[in-house]
């Protein structure tokens, strides 16, 4: 579970301005710490969606894709206030 190592899902300062493929790839390749690379593409995309929602981003109508090309077109920007 992510919460064991990441009790606070707030991360805007680190990822703002980057694209979702960067976050997705990091999670897919390097998480979890005790078994890196063991998540499926769908699990990594779900983790990204959870992180976004935990940081105030509204959920979309469809699940996040697992296609790097599509995710590279989505930039993390602070939600409007």
N, C-alpha and C. Protein backbone atom coordinates (compact mmCIF):
# COMPACT_ATOMS: atom_id res chain seq x y z
N UNK A 1 0.83 -1.19 0.00
CA UNK A 1 0.00 0.00 0.00
C UNK A 1 0.87 1.25 0.00
N UNK A 2 0.47 2.20 -0.77
CA UNK A 2 1.22 3.46 -0.90
C UNK A 2 1.32 4.22 0.43
N UNK A 3 0.24 4.15 1.21
CA UNK A 3 0.16 4.94 2.45
C UNK A 3 1.25 4.59 3.46
N UNK A 4 1.79 3.40 3.37
CA UNK A 4 2.84 3.00 4.31
C UNK A 4 4.07 3.90 4.17
N UNK A 5 4.47 4.18 2.94
CA UNK A 5 5.64 5.03 2.69
C UNK A 5 5.27 6.48 2.39
N UNK A 6 4.03 6.68 1.96
CA UNK A 6 3.58 8.01 1.53
C UNK A 6 2.32 8.38 2.31
N UNK A 7 2.44 8.76 3.57
CA UNK A 7 1.26 9.06 4.37
C UNK A 7 0.53 10.33 3.90
N UNK A 8 1.22 11.20 3.20
CA UNK A 8 0.62 12.45 2.74
C UNK A 8 0.71 12.50 1.21
N UNK A 9 -0.42 12.37 0.51
CA UNK A 9 -0.37 12.35 -0.94
C UNK A 9 -0.20 13.73 -1.59
N UNK A 10 0.02 14.78 -0.79
CA UNK A 10 0.18 16.11 -1.38
C UNK A 10 1.58 16.23 -1.97
N UNK A 11 1.66 16.64 -3.22
CA UNK A 11 2.94 16.62 -3.93
C UNK A 11 3.02 17.70 -5.00
N UNK A 12 2.13 18.66 -4.98
CA UNK A 12 2.07 19.67 -6.05
C UNK A 12 3.41 20.32 -6.34
N UNK A 13 4.13 20.71 -5.32
CA UNK A 13 5.40 21.43 -5.53
C UNK A 13 6.39 20.60 -6.34
N UNK A 14 6.35 19.29 -6.17
CA UNK A 14 7.28 18.41 -6.87
C UNK A 14 6.89 18.17 -8.31
N UNK A 15 5.59 18.00 -8.58
CA UNK A 15 5.14 17.54 -9.90
C UNK A 15 4.46 18.61 -10.75
N UNK A 16 4.14 19.76 -10.18
CA UNK A 16 3.44 20.78 -10.97
C UNK A 16 4.29 21.18 -12.17
N UNK A 17 3.66 21.24 -13.33
CA UNK A 17 4.33 21.61 -14.56
C UNK A 17 4.83 20.42 -15.36
N UNK A 18 4.87 19.26 -14.73
CA UNK A 18 5.30 18.04 -15.44
C UNK A 18 4.08 17.37 -16.07
N UNK A 19 4.34 16.36 -16.86
CA UNK A 19 3.24 15.64 -17.51
C UNK A 19 2.96 14.33 -16.80
N UNK A 20 1.74 13.83 -16.98
CA UNK A 20 1.33 12.63 -16.25
C UNK A 20 2.13 11.39 -16.63
N UNK A 21 2.68 11.36 -17.84
CA UNK A 21 3.48 10.18 -18.20
C UNK A 21 4.71 10.06 -17.31
N UNK A 22 5.25 11.18 -16.85
CA UNK A 22 6.42 11.14 -15.97
C UNK A 22 6.06 10.52 -14.62
N UNK A 23 4.92 10.91 -14.08
CA UNK A 23 4.47 10.36 -12.80
C UNK A 23 4.13 8.88 -12.96
N UNK A 24 3.37 8.58 -14.00
CA UNK A 24 2.94 7.21 -14.28
C UNK A 24 4.14 6.28 -14.45
N UNK A 25 5.13 6.71 -15.23
CA UNK A 25 6.31 5.87 -15.47
C UNK A 25 7.09 5.64 -14.19
N UNK A 26 7.22 6.66 -13.37
CA UNK A 26 7.94 6.50 -12.10
C UNK A 26 7.23 5.48 -11.21
N UNK A 27 5.92 5.59 -11.12
CA UNK A 27 5.16 4.64 -10.30
C UNK A 27 5.26 3.24 -10.88
N UNK A 28 5.10 3.12 -12.19
CA UNK A 28 5.11 1.82 -12.85
C UNK A 28 6.45 1.11 -12.70
N UNK A 29 7.54 1.84 -12.82
CA UNK A 29 8.87 1.23 -12.79
C UNK A 29 9.47 1.07 -11.39
N UNK A 30 9.16 2.01 -10.49
CA UNK A 30 9.89 2.05 -9.22
C UNK A 30 9.05 1.81 -7.97
N UNK A 31 7.76 1.61 -8.11
CA UNK A 31 6.91 1.38 -6.95
C UNK A 31 6.31 -0.02 -7.02
N UNK A 32 5.99 -0.56 -5.89
CA UNK A 32 6.30 -0.12 -4.53
C UNK A 32 7.76 -0.37 -4.20
N UNK A 33 8.23 0.28 -3.18
CA UNK A 33 9.64 0.16 -2.78
C UNK A 33 10.07 -1.27 -2.51
N UNK A 34 9.17 -2.07 -1.94
CA UNK A 34 9.55 -3.43 -1.58
C UNK A 34 9.41 -4.44 -2.74
N UNK A 35 8.87 -3.98 -3.88
CA UNK A 35 8.74 -4.86 -5.06
C UNK A 35 8.61 -4.00 -6.32
N UNK A 36 9.66 -3.22 -6.64
CA UNK A 36 9.58 -2.29 -7.76
C UNK A 36 9.17 -2.97 -9.06
N UNK A 37 8.31 -2.29 -9.80
CA UNK A 37 7.89 -2.79 -11.10
C UNK A 37 6.82 -3.85 -11.06
N UNK A 38 6.27 -4.11 -9.89
CA UNK A 38 5.28 -5.18 -9.77
C UNK A 38 3.85 -4.73 -10.06
N UNK A 39 3.63 -3.43 -10.16
CA UNK A 39 2.28 -2.94 -10.45
C UNK A 39 1.96 -3.13 -11.92
N UNK A 40 0.71 -3.43 -12.20
CA UNK A 40 0.26 -3.50 -13.59
C UNK A 40 0.08 -2.08 -14.11
N UNK A 41 0.04 -1.89 -15.42
CA UNK A 41 -0.22 -0.55 -15.96
C UNK A 41 -1.52 0.05 -15.41
N UNK A 42 -2.56 -0.76 -15.28
CA UNK A 42 -3.83 -0.25 -14.76
C UNK A 42 -3.69 0.18 -13.30
N UNK A 43 -2.93 -0.57 -12.50
CA UNK A 43 -2.72 -0.20 -11.09
C UNK A 43 -1.92 1.09 -10.99
N UNK A 44 -0.92 1.28 -11.84
CA UNK A 44 -0.14 2.51 -11.83
C UNK A 44 -1.01 3.70 -12.22
N UNK A 45 -1.86 3.53 -13.23
CA UNK A 45 -2.76 4.60 -13.65
C UNK A 45 -3.76 4.93 -12.54
N UNK A 46 -4.24 3.91 -11.84
CA UNK A 46 -5.15 4.14 -10.70
C UNK A 46 -4.45 4.91 -9.59
N UNK A 47 -3.18 4.61 -9.35
CA UNK A 47 -2.42 5.33 -8.33
C UNK A 47 -2.27 6.80 -8.72
N UNK A 48 -2.00 7.08 -9.99
CA UNK A 48 -1.89 8.46 -10.47
C UNK A 48 -3.23 9.17 -10.27
N UNK A 49 -4.32 8.51 -10.63
CA UNK A 49 -5.65 9.11 -10.48
C UNK A 49 -5.94 9.43 -9.01
N UNK A 50 -5.58 8.51 -8.11
CA UNK A 50 -5.78 8.73 -6.69
C UNK A 50 -4.98 9.94 -6.20
N UNK A 51 -3.74 10.02 -6.62
CA UNK A 51 -2.88 11.14 -6.22
C UNK A 51 -3.47 12.45 -6.72
N UNK A 52 -3.91 12.48 -7.96
CA UNK A 52 -4.51 13.70 -8.51
C UNK A 52 -5.74 14.11 -7.71
N UNK A 53 -6.62 13.16 -7.45
CA UNK A 53 -7.84 13.45 -6.71
C UNK A 53 -7.51 13.91 -5.28
N UNK A 54 -6.51 13.30 -4.66
CA UNK A 54 -6.11 13.68 -3.30
C UNK A 54 -5.52 15.08 -3.24
N UNK A 55 -5.11 15.58 -4.40
CA UNK A 55 -4.53 16.92 -4.48
C UNK A 55 -5.51 17.94 -5.04
N UNK A 56 -6.80 17.60 -5.06
CA UNK A 56 -7.82 18.57 -5.43
C UNK A 56 -8.22 18.59 -6.89
N UNK A 57 -7.70 17.68 -7.69
CA UNK A 57 -8.09 17.62 -9.09
C UNK A 57 -9.38 16.81 -9.20
N UNK A 58 -10.30 17.27 -10.03
CA UNK A 58 -11.56 16.56 -10.20
C UNK A 58 -11.35 15.29 -11.02
N UNK A 59 -12.10 14.27 -10.67
CA UNK A 59 -12.04 13.02 -11.42
C UNK A 59 -12.64 13.23 -12.81
N UNK A 60 -12.08 12.53 -13.77
CA UNK A 60 -12.61 12.59 -15.13
C UNK A 60 -13.75 11.61 -15.31
N UNK A 61 -14.29 11.60 -16.50
CA UNK A 61 -15.41 10.72 -16.80
C UNK A 61 -14.97 9.29 -17.13
N UNK A 62 -13.72 9.13 -17.51
CA UNK A 62 -13.18 7.81 -17.84
C UNK A 62 -11.89 7.60 -17.06
N UNK A 63 -11.49 6.34 -16.86
CA UNK A 63 -10.22 6.09 -16.16
C UNK A 63 -9.04 6.66 -16.94
N UNK A 64 -7.98 7.00 -16.21
CA UNK A 64 -6.76 7.46 -16.88
C UNK A 64 -6.24 6.35 -17.78
N UNK A 65 -5.77 6.71 -18.96
CA UNK A 65 -5.22 5.69 -19.85
C UNK A 65 -3.84 5.23 -19.37
N UNK A 66 -3.38 4.14 -19.93
CA UNK A 66 -2.04 3.63 -19.62
C UNK A 66 -1.09 3.87 -20.78
N UNK A 67 -1.50 4.67 -21.73
CA UNK A 67 -0.70 4.99 -22.92
C UNK A 67 0.17 6.22 -22.64
N UNK A 68 1.50 6.02 -22.67
CA UNK A 68 2.44 7.12 -22.39
C UNK A 68 2.21 8.32 -23.31
N UNK A 69 1.87 8.06 -24.56
CA UNK A 69 1.68 9.15 -25.52
C UNK A 69 0.51 10.04 -25.10
N UNK A 70 -0.56 9.42 -24.67
CA UNK A 70 -1.73 10.18 -24.20
C UNK A 70 -1.39 10.91 -22.91
N UNK A 71 -0.77 10.22 -21.97
CA UNK A 71 -0.43 10.83 -20.69
C UNK A 71 0.57 11.98 -20.83
N UNK A 72 1.41 11.92 -21.85
CA UNK A 72 2.40 12.99 -22.06
C UNK A 72 1.74 14.29 -22.49
N UNK A 73 0.49 14.24 -22.89
CA UNK A 73 -0.24 15.45 -23.31
C UNK A 73 -1.01 16.10 -22.17
N UNK A 74 -0.95 15.48 -20.98
CA UNK A 74 -1.68 16.01 -19.82
C UNK A 74 -0.68 16.57 -18.83
N UNK A 75 -0.71 17.88 -18.67
CA UNK A 75 0.22 18.57 -17.79
C UNK A 75 -0.44 18.83 -16.44
N UNK A 76 0.32 18.65 -15.37
CA UNK A 76 -0.16 18.92 -14.02
C UNK A 76 -0.11 20.42 -13.78
N UNK A 77 -1.28 20.99 -13.56
CA UNK A 77 -1.38 22.42 -13.24
C UNK A 77 -2.34 22.57 -12.08
N UNK A 78 -2.08 23.53 -11.26
CA UNK A 78 -2.94 23.75 -10.09
C UNK A 78 -4.37 23.99 -10.55
N UNK A 79 -5.34 23.35 -9.88
CA UNK A 79 -6.74 23.59 -10.24
C UNK A 79 -7.12 25.03 -9.96
N UNK A 80 -8.02 25.58 -10.77
CA UNK A 80 -8.46 26.95 -10.52
C UNK A 80 -9.17 27.05 -9.18
N UNK A 81 -9.00 28.18 -8.53
CA UNK A 81 -9.64 28.38 -7.22
C UNK A 81 -10.95 29.09 -7.37
